[in-house]
Amino acid sequence: MVDPTPEGWKLLAWNGISLRVPPHWEVSSLATSYLQLDDGGGPVLELKWQQLKGSFSHKSHMRKLARLSGAGSGVKFQQRSLPERWRQLLQGFEAQSFEWHGQELGGEGAILYCTMCQKATLLHFYQRMGENNPLVTLQVLNSFRDHSEDGWVTWSLYGLRVLMPHRLVLVSHSFHPGHYQLAFQHRHEHVTVSRWGPADILLKEGDLLEWFEKRCREFRWCKTSSFRKHNFRGNPAIGAQSRRSNGPGARLWAQVTRKLPHIWIRIWHLPTSNQILGVTARGLKPLDERTLEEICSSYEVV
């Protein structure tokens, strides 16, 4: 048995995978299906994953990994039997492990395949000489998940956490100082979650609606003439939505002009964390407002 996740460890969840890591581990490199974590002294964990449609072969993936790992001089790579304690934690996966050694740096890890979700994942732990902590590795592996079982996918990174329906696929992401944004899509349905800050600077010349109308240029398509001020979960908020004809003529015009007729937006201010959060949606067909409400309720700063 492995001890429960230590207090203070944080949840990382990105594009279908999730795990808990020590609080000083930070994401240093990010892509749609890739994460690298550093601890301030260098890389500590690398994750790559891929959704597969056909058969999976550990052997071919291991050969490719061996070629890449052996590209540097003085590096010795070898496949190994899965350690017994790893085997106990990874019972839900088809797993094959490996290790490698260099002059000052080494590593170990595993290639996992889940028959349930047909996802292959590489977990690669880096080891600096004299700094290996097997217990940390075990606790990370114990927390690793590669799919959701309730139809909702958790996204938790850089202090932003939100739940999204499984059908919505990530199409773009940006993490710039003062502005984080994730954009999702399913057919003609688009949903974007945003975070802006610091709020006290952004709102120094007006309220939430004035800031949105004057400064928030990225959502000009949200002009609906129906904005209203309200409270959302006890916080100042603005919201708007448009309902237009859903007849064949309206849908054809929308496809020709690339203007999606159904719009839903909510922006709210979190004074305690000095941030502004937003959820916006566009669609060719009427939007599921209940789902959008659930996304807003799950969206938080952590």
Foldseek 3Di string as FASTA:
>chain_A
DADADDPQWDWAFAQQKIWTAHPQWAWDDDDNFKTWTDNVVDTFKIKGKDADDDDDDPVVVVVVVQCVQPPDPQKDKDWDQDDPLLCVLQVQWDKTKIKMDHDFKIKIWIWTAHPVRGMIMTMIGIDGPPPDDVSNVSRRSNGMDRHDDPQWGWHDHPQKIWIAGPQWGWDDWDDDVQKTKTWTDHVFKIKMKMKGDLQCVQDVPHDPVVSCVPPVVVVPLQPDVAKDWDDDPNWTKIWDWFDDDLDPVQLVVCVVVVRFGTKIKMWTADVVVSMIMMMIMGGNDHDDVVNVVRRVVRIDGD
